[in-house]
């Protein structure tokens, strides 16, 4: 994944790493290292949008550097991050559960990369016989705004970002 969502997913993985979890962005092209303890894989599982305004028009924004005014468009969104926690067989389901609790606490208290958490849930621990791993999924539903600016000349969208920081 690339762009704004990929960057956001990587920031959630970094946030989990800062809180003591081995975490990677899910489906990274680089092979995942083999840890002897629990590890987390972060994915964006769902995005739902609502209209932001009349024709998604939010107003105008003046660039502080250039003084140039550009139109701002956006939609209110709910993004759901999925954090799959994996633990090796010898760590047991308890290692998976402890890591999931760390992810739950981190996402509940800090949101996902600064996006406010609306709901955080954890599934049940299961054992994947074929892989020899325990797995538990934590989901975090967040509020955000998907915002785009026009280039001001041709009327095409110049960039796209996800906003909705916890204050």
Protein backbone atom coordinates (compact mmCIF):
# COMPACT_ATOMS: atom_id res chain seq x y z
CA UNK A 1 0.00 0.00 0.00
CA UNK A 2 1.27 3.50 -0.72
CA UNK A 3 0.13 7.04 -0.23
CA UNK A 4 -1.69 8.51 2.77
CA UNK A 5 -3.16 5.22 4.00
CA UNK A 6 0.16 3.38 3.75
CA UNK A 7 1.93 6.13 5.68
CA UNK A 8 -0.79 6.07 8.33
CA UNK A 9 -0.53 2.29 8.69
CA UNK A 10 3.25 2.58 9.14
CA UNK A 11 2.76 5.29 11.80
CA UNK A 12 0.44 2.96 13.76
CA UNK A 13 3.09 0.21 13.59
CA UNK A 14 5.73 2.70 14.82
CA UNK A 15 3.44 3.77 17.66
CA UNK A 16 3.06 0.14 18.75
CA UNK A 17 6.85 -0.34 18.57
CA UNK A 18 7.32 2.70 20.82
CA UNK A 19 5.02 1.01 23.33
CA UNK A 20 7.04 -2.19 23.44
CA UNK A 21 5.47 -4.38 20.72
CA UNK A 22 7.32 -5.89 17.78
CA UNK A 23 5.15 -4.40 15.03
CA UNK A 24 5.25 -4.15 11.24
CA UNK A 25 2.88 -2.81 8.62
CA UNK A 26 0.99 -5.83 7.24
CA UNK A 27 1.88 -7.09 3.77
CA UNK A 28 5.24 -5.32 3.74
CA UNK A 29 7.29 -6.41 0.73
CA UNK A 30 10.34 -7.06 2.91
CA UNK A 31 10.32 -10.45 4.63
CA UNK A 32 9.24 -10.17 8.27
CA UNK A 33 11.94 -11.05 10.78
CA UNK A 34 11.31 -14.12 12.93
CA UNK A 35 10.90 -13.00 16.52
CA UNK A 36 10.86 -15.42 19.44
CA UNK A 37 8.14 -13.36 21.10
CA UNK A 38 4.78 -11.92 20.10
CA UNK A 39 4.63 -9.66 17.03
CA UNK A 40 1.93 -7.45 15.53
CA UNK A 41 0.96 -6.79 11.89
CA UNK A 42 -1.03 -3.59 11.22
CA UNK A 43 -3.54 -3.35 8.36
CA UNK A 44 -6.28 -0.94 7.36
CA UNK A 45 -9.38 -3.14 7.40
CA UNK A 46 -12.20 -0.72 6.60
CA UNK A 47 -12.86 2.86 5.54
CA UNK A 48 -16.33 4.41 5.54
CA UNK A 49 -16.99 7.97 4.36
CA UNK A 50 -19.76 10.51 4.81
CA UNK A 51 -20.27 13.71 2.86
CA UNK A 52 -18.16 16.55 4.25
CA UNK A 53 -20.14 19.50 2.97
CA UNK A 54 -21.87 20.78 -0.13
CA UNK A 55 -20.20 18.74 -2.88
CA UNK A 56 -17.51 17.86 -0.30
CA UNK A 57 -16.37 21.51 -0.37
CA UNK A 58 -14.92 22.55 3.00
CA UNK A 59 -13.71 26.03 2.10
CA UNK A 60 -10.47 27.70 1.10
CA UNK A 61 -7.02 27.41 2.63
CA UNK A 62 -4.27 30.01 2.35
CA UNK A 63 -0.79 28.48 2.14
CA UNK A 64 1.30 30.21 4.84
CA UNK A 65 4.49 29.94 2.75
CA UNK A 66 3.24 31.22 -0.60
CA UNK A 67 0.11 33.14 0.42
CA UNK A 68 -1.70 31.31 -2.36
CA UNK A 69 -5.30 30.28 -1.73
CA UNK A 70 -6.48 26.78 -2.66
CA UNK A 71 -9.86 25.13 -2.39
CA UNK A 72 -10.19 22.44 0.24
CA UNK A 73 -12.41 19.37 -0.15
CA UNK A 74 -12.98 16.50 2.21
CA UNK A 75 -15.11 13.81 3.72
CA UNK A 76 -15.66 12.67 7.24
CA UNK A 77 -14.42 9.10 7.60
CA UNK A 78 -14.20 6.18 9.96
CA UNK A 79 -11.08 4.07 9.53
CA UNK A 80 -10.73 0.65 11.14
CA UNK A 81 -7.23 -0.63 11.79
CA UNK A 82 -6.70 -4.35 12.32
CA UNK A 83 -3.75 -5.43 14.42
CA UNK A 84 -3.07 -9.17 14.15
CA UNK A 85 -0.99 -10.34 17.10
CA UNK A 86 1.02 -13.52 16.51
CA UNK A 87 2.91 -15.50 19.15
CA UNK A 88 5.02 -18.64 18.67
CA UNK A 89 3.82 -21.98 20.02
CA UNK A 90 6.40 -22.00 22.83
CA UNK A 91 5.21 -18.55 24.01
CA UNK A 92 1.70 -19.86 24.41
CA UNK A 93 -1.64 -18.12 24.17
CA UNK A 94 -0.71 -16.04 27.21
CA UNK A 95 2.06 -14.26 25.28
CA UNK A 96 -0.46 -13.45 22.55
CA UNK A 97 -2.95 -12.15 25.13
CA UNK A 98 -0.35 -9.92 26.85
CA UNK A 99 0.68 -8.38 23.52
CA UNK A 100 -2.98 -7.82 22.58
CA UNK A 101 -3.56 -6.05 25.90
CA UNK A 102 -0.60 -3.76 25.17
CA UNK A 103 -2.09 -2.96 21.75
CA UNK A 104 -5.54 -2.38 23.30
CA UNK A 105 -4.18 0.00 25.92
CA UNK A 106 -2.02 1.88 23.41
CA UNK A 107 -4.84 2.36 20.90
CA UNK A 108 -7.46 3.18 23.53
CA UNK A 109 -5.31 5.78 25.30
CA UNK A 110 -3.44 7.26 22.32
CA UNK A 111 -5.69 6.52 19.36
CA UNK A 112 -4.18 5.16 16.16
CA UNK A 113 -1.33 7.47 15.09
CA UNK A 114 -3.17 10.34 16.76
CA UNK A 115 -6.59 9.63 15.25
CA UNK A 116 -9.14 9.44 18.09
CA UNK A 117 -10.33 5.92 18.89
CA UNK A 118 -14.11 5.53 18.75
CA UNK A 119 -14.05 1.81 19.58
CA UNK A 120 -11.31 -0.72 20.36
CA UNK A 121 -12.03 -4.46 20.46
CA UNK A 122 -10.08 -7.69 20.82
CA UNK A 123 -11.05 -11.04 19.40
CA UNK A 124 -10.34 -14.42 20.95
CA UNK A 125 -6.95 -16.08 20.98
CA UNK A 126 -6.81 -18.94 18.48
CA UNK A 127 -4.13 -21.43 17.54
CA UNK A 128 -3.21 -21.76 13.87
CA UNK A 129 -2.08 -25.38 13.65
CA UNK A 130 -0.60 -25.11 10.15
CA UNK A 131 1.59 -22.11 11.05
CA UNK A 132 2.27 -23.20 14.64
CA UNK A 133 1.28 -19.74 15.91
CA UNK A 134 -1.25 -18.22 18.25
CA UNK A 135 -3.22 -15.28 16.83
CA UNK A 136 -5.47 -12.62 18.27
CA UNK A 137 -6.91 -9.66 16.36
CA UNK A 138 -7.37 -6.20 17.85
CA UNK A 139 -9.48 -3.69 15.91
CA UNK A 140 -9.52 0.07 16.38
CA UNK A 141 -12.22 2.22 14.77
CA UNK A 142 -11.14 5.87 14.47
CA UNK A 143 -12.66 9.15 13.38
CA UNK A 144 -10.83 11.09 10.67
CA UNK A 145 -11.18 13.52 7.79
CA UNK A 146 -9.94 12.68 4.30
CA UNK A 147 -8.83 16.05 2.92
CA UNK A 148 -7.73 17.04 -0.60
CA UNK A 149 -6.60 20.38 -2.04
CA UNK A 150 -6.87 21.57 -5.61
CA UNK A 151 -3.84 22.88 -7.45
CA UNK A 152 -5.61 26.20 -7.98
CA UNK A 153 -4.96 26.38 -11.72
CA UNK A 154 -6.36 23.35 -13.52
CA UNK A 155 -8.77 22.48 -10.71
CA UNK A 156 -7.27 19.02 -10.23
CA UNK A 157 -6.54 17.55 -6.81
CA UNK A 158 -2.94 18.16 -5.83
CA UNK A 159 -2.65 16.14 -2.64
CA UNK A 160 -4.54 14.00 -0.17
CA UNK A 161 -4.09 13.51 3.57
CA UNK A 162 -5.78 11.99 6.59
CA UNK A 163 -6.55 14.37 9.45
CA UNK A 164 -8.12 14.05 12.86
CA UNK A 165 -5.57 14.50 15.59
CA UNK A 166 -6.16 14.01 19.30
CA UNK A 167 -5.62 17.33 21.10
